[in-house]
């Protein structure tokens, strides 16, 4: 396996996971509205950040154990079931989760080739 492909298989799911967590956390920023108390805003922000925390925890674990990254596929399936018929939301949220999970699993499958020098 070429070294460029090895690096791509190693780094692409990790970078995609970080960018997806940042993208997902953008949706939590809608709680900052004028007129609310600081306590209510902070509690709402933490509540809306729970999906981001789940993605970050899985990403931290998958950084070392690639097979854990397969949980991104379960998150994608769960969101498809939750989003019902909103195709744009399904593609925007589940698409990157599915690709990230698949890349982690491919990296896990080829881990000996990727980590060899």
C-alpha atoms as a PDB file:
ATOM      1  CA  UNK A   1       0.000   0.000   0.000  1.00  0.00           C
ATOM      2  CA  UNK A   2       1.362   3.449  -0.930  1.00  0.00           C
ATOM      3  CA  UNK A   3       2.324   5.760   1.905  1.00  0.00           C
ATOM      4  CA  UNK A   4      -0.054   8.506   0.681  1.00  0.00           C
ATOM      5  CA  UNK A   5      -3.006   6.124   0.805  1.00  0.00           C
ATOM      6  CA  UNK A   6      -1.917   4.938   4.243  1.00  0.00           C
ATOM      7  CA  UNK A   7      -1.853   8.501   5.541  1.00  0.00           C
ATOM      8  CA  UNK A   8      -5.187   9.252   3.910  1.00  0.00           C
ATOM      9  CA  UNK A   9      -6.828   6.173   5.452  1.00  0.00           C
ATOM     10  CA  UNK A  10      -5.388   7.036   8.846  1.00  0.00           C
ATOM     11  CA  UNK A  11      -6.105  10.778   8.963  1.00  0.00           C
ATOM     12  CA  UNK A  12      -9.276  11.278   6.907  1.00  0.00           C
ATOM     13  CA  UNK A  13     -11.762   9.786   9.404  1.00  0.00           C
ATOM     14  CA  UNK A  14     -10.136  11.647  12.273  1.00  0.00           C
ATOM     15  CA  UNK A  15     -10.162  15.021  10.518  1.00  0.00           C
ATOM     16  CA  UNK A  16     -13.693  14.447   9.243  1.00  0.00           C
ATOM     17  CA  UNK A  17     -14.790  13.566  12.787  1.00  0.00           C
ATOM     18  CA  UNK A  18     -13.299  16.761  14.223  1.00  0.00           C
ATOM     19  CA  UNK A  19     -14.901  18.933  11.534  1.00  0.00           C
ATOM     20  CA  UNK A  20     -18.234  17.177  11.972  1.00  0.00           C
ATOM     21  CA  UNK A  21     -18.163  17.780  15.738  1.00  0.00           C
ATOM     22  CA  UNK A  22     -17.524  21.481  15.092  1.00  0.00           C
ATOM     23  CA  UNK A  23     -20.308  21.571  12.480  1.00  0.00           C
ATOM     24  CA  UNK A  24     -22.723  19.849  14.829  1.00  0.00           C
ATOM     25  CA  UNK A  25     -21.950  22.234  17.652  1.00  0.00           C
ATOM     26  CA  UNK A  26     -22.942  25.181  15.468  1.00  0.00           C
ATOM     27  CA  UNK A  27     -26.558  24.079  15.933  1.00  0.00           C
ATOM     28  CA  UNK A  28     -26.196  24.502  19.693  1.00  0.00           C
ATOM     29  CA  UNK A  29     -25.475  28.197  19.268  1.00  0.00           C
ATOM     30  CA  UNK A  30     -29.131  29.006  18.610  1.00  0.00           C
ATOM     31  CA  UNK A  31     -29.759  29.225  22.354  1.00  0.00           C
ATOM     32  CA  UNK A  32     -27.972  32.555  22.666  1.00  0.00           C
ATOM     33  CA  UNK A  33     -30.957  34.897  22.577  1.00  0.00           C
ATOM     34  CA  UNK A  34     -31.192  38.344  24.109  1.00  0.00           C
ATOM     35  CA  UNK A  35     -33.355  38.529  27.198  1.00  0.00           C
ATOM     36  CA  UNK A  36     -32.641  35.092  28.667  1.00  0.00           C
ATOM     37  CA  UNK A  37     -30.765  34.665  31.883  1.00  0.00           C
ATOM     38  CA  UNK A  38     -27.202  33.421  31.738  1.00  0.00           C
ATOM     39  CA  UNK A  39     -28.128  30.285  33.688  1.00  0.00           C
ATOM     40  CA  UNK A  40     -30.889  29.340  31.226  1.00  0.00           C
ATOM     41  CA  UNK A  41     -28.633  29.972  28.247  1.00  0.00           C
ATOM     42  CA  UNK A  42     -25.811  27.840  29.664  1.00  0.00           C
ATOM     43  CA  UNK A  43     -28.160  24.977  30.539  1.00  0.00           C
ATOM     44  CA  UNK A  44     -29.751  25.087  27.089  1.00  0.00           C
ATOM     45  CA  UNK A  45     -26.330  25.198  25.434  1.00  0.00           C
ATOM     46  CA  UNK A  46     -25.179  22.140  27.384  1.00  0.00           C
ATOM     47  CA  UNK A  47     -28.386  20.306  26.508  1.00  0.00           C
ATOM     48  CA  UNK A  48     -28.031  21.121  22.815  1.00  0.00           C
ATOM     49  CA  UNK A  49     -24.362  20.071  22.916  1.00  0.00           C
ATOM     50  CA  UNK A  50     -25.090  16.470  23.989  1.00  0.00           C
ATOM     51  CA  UNK A  51     -24.880  15.114  20.401  1.00  0.00           C
ATOM     52  CA  UNK A  52     -21.538  16.861  19.984  1.00  0.00           C
ATOM     53  CA  UNK A  53     -20.277  15.330  23.212  1.00  0.00           C
ATOM     54  CA  UNK A  54     -21.293  11.873  21.947  1.00  0.00           C
ATOM     55  CA  UNK A  55     -19.404  12.438  18.698  1.00  0.00           C
ATOM     56  CA  UNK A  56     -16.317  13.700  20.547  1.00  0.00           C
ATOM     57  CA  UNK A  57     -16.285  10.734  22.958  1.00  0.00           C
ATOM     58  CA  UNK A  58     -16.549   8.249  20.097  1.00  0.00           C
ATOM     59  CA  UNK A  59     -13.875  10.153  18.186  1.00  0.00           C
ATOM     60  CA  UNK A  60     -11.478  10.090  21.143  1.00  0.00           C
ATOM     61  CA  UNK A  61     -11.947   6.345  21.562  1.00  0.00           C
ATOM     62  CA  UNK A  62     -11.768   5.675  17.816  1.00  0.00           C
ATOM     63  CA  UNK A  63      -8.542   7.654  17.517  1.00  0.00           C
ATOM     64  CA  UNK A  64      -6.799   4.730  19.182  1.00  0.00           C
ATOM     65  CA  UNK A  65      -9.173   1.831  18.494  1.00  0.00           C
ATOM     66  CA  UNK A  66     -10.493   2.227  14.949  1.00  0.00           C
ATOM     67  CA  UNK A  67     -13.229  -0.367  15.362  1.00  0.00           C
ATOM     68  CA  UNK A  68     -14.956   1.946  17.867  1.00  0.00           C
ATOM     69  CA  UNK A  69     -15.404   4.377  14.963  1.00  0.00           C
ATOM     70  CA  UNK A  70     -18.026   1.984  13.640  1.00  0.00           C
ATOM     71  CA  UNK A  71     -20.333   3.527  16.237  1.00  0.00           C
ATOM     72  CA  UNK A  72     -20.593   6.521  13.920  1.00  0.00           C
ATOM     73  CA  UNK A  73     -22.606   4.273  11.609  1.00  0.00           C
ATOM     74  CA  UNK A  74     -24.991   3.521  14.477  1.00  0.00           C
ATOM     75  CA  UNK A  75     -25.324   7.243  15.177  1.00  0.00           C
ATOM     76  CA  UNK A  76     -26.125   7.797  11.492  1.00  0.00           C
ATOM     77  CA  UNK A  77     -28.786   5.080  11.553  1.00  0.00           C
ATOM     78  CA  UNK A  78     -30.276   6.502  14.732  1.00  0.00           C
ATOM     79  CA  UNK A  79     -30.506   9.935  13.192  1.00  0.00           C
ATOM     80  CA  UNK A  80     -32.175   8.544  10.061  1.00  0.00           C
ATOM     81  CA  UNK A  81     -34.830   6.984  12.276  1.00  0.00           C
ATOM     82  CA  UNK A  82     -35.257  10.215  14.224  1.00  0.00           C
ATOM     83  CA  UNK A  83     -35.310  12.673  11.297  1.00  0.00           C
ATOM     84  CA  UNK A  84     -38.169  10.853   9.544  1.00  0.00           C
ATOM     85  CA  UNK A  85     -38.750  12.437   6.109  1.00  0.00           C
ATOM     86  CA  UNK A  86     -36.405  15.436   6.185  1.00  0.00           C
ATOM     87  CA  UNK A  87     -34.029  14.387   3.411  1.00  0.00           C
ATOM     88  CA  UNK A  88     -31.783  17.456   3.641  1.00  0.00           C
ATOM     89  CA  UNK A  89     -31.212  16.952   7.365  1.00  0.00           C
ATOM     90  CA  UNK A  90     -30.609  13.237   6.887  1.00  0.00           C
ATOM     91  CA  UNK A  91     -27.955  13.891   4.229  1.00  0.00           C
ATOM     92  CA  UNK A  92     -26.300  16.699   6.207  1.00  0.00           C
ATOM     93  CA  UNK A  93     -26.075  14.798   9.482  1.00  0.00           C
ATOM     94  CA  UNK A  94     -26.122  11.086   8.676  1.00  0.00           C
ATOM     95  CA  UNK A  95     -23.992  11.343   5.538  1.00  0.00           C
ATOM     96  CA  UNK A  96     -20.791  12.523   7.241  1.00  0.00           C
ATOM     97  CA  UNK A  97     -21.404  10.138  10.159  1.00  0.00           C
ATOM     98  CA  UNK A  98     -21.748   7.216   7.762  1.00  0.00           C
ATOM     99  CA  UNK A  99     -18.615   8.155   5.802  1.00  0.00           C
ATOM    100  CA  UNK A 100     -16.602   8.689   8.992  1.00  0.00           C
ATOM    101  CA  UNK A 101     -17.687   5.354  10.442  1.00  0.00           C
ATOM    102  CA  UNK A 102     -16.943   3.545   7.187  1.00  0.00           C
ATOM    103  CA  UNK A 103     -13.483   5.118   6.961  1.00  0.00           C
ATOM    104  CA  UNK A 104     -12.687   4.119  10.550  1.00  0.00           C
ATOM    105  CA  UNK A 105     -13.763   0.541   9.835  1.00  0.00           C
ATOM    106  CA  UNK A 106     -11.715   0.426   6.615  1.00  0.00           C
ATOM    107  CA  UNK A 107      -8.740   1.765   8.572  1.00  0.00           C
ATOM    108  CA  UNK A 108      -9.282  -0.905  11.196  1.00  0.00           C
ATOM    109  CA  UNK A 109      -9.495  -3.628   8.560  1.00  0.00           C
ATOM    110  CA  UNK A 110      -6.202  -2.497   6.960  1.00  0.00           C
ATOM    111  CA  UNK A 111      -4.509  -1.438  10.206  1.00  0.00           C
ATOM    112  CA  UNK A 112      -1.484  -3.718   9.742  1.00  0.00           C
ATOM    113  CA  UNK A 113      -0.783  -2.303   6.293  1.00  0.00           C
ATOM    114  CA  UNK A 114      -1.388   1.293   7.402  1.00  0.00           C
ATOM    115  CA  UNK A 115       0.870   1.138  10.444  1.00  0.00           C
ATOM    116  CA  UNK A 116       3.715  -0.729   8.738  1.00  0.00           C
ATOM    117  CA  UNK A 117       6.681   1.365   7.675  1.00  0.00           C
END
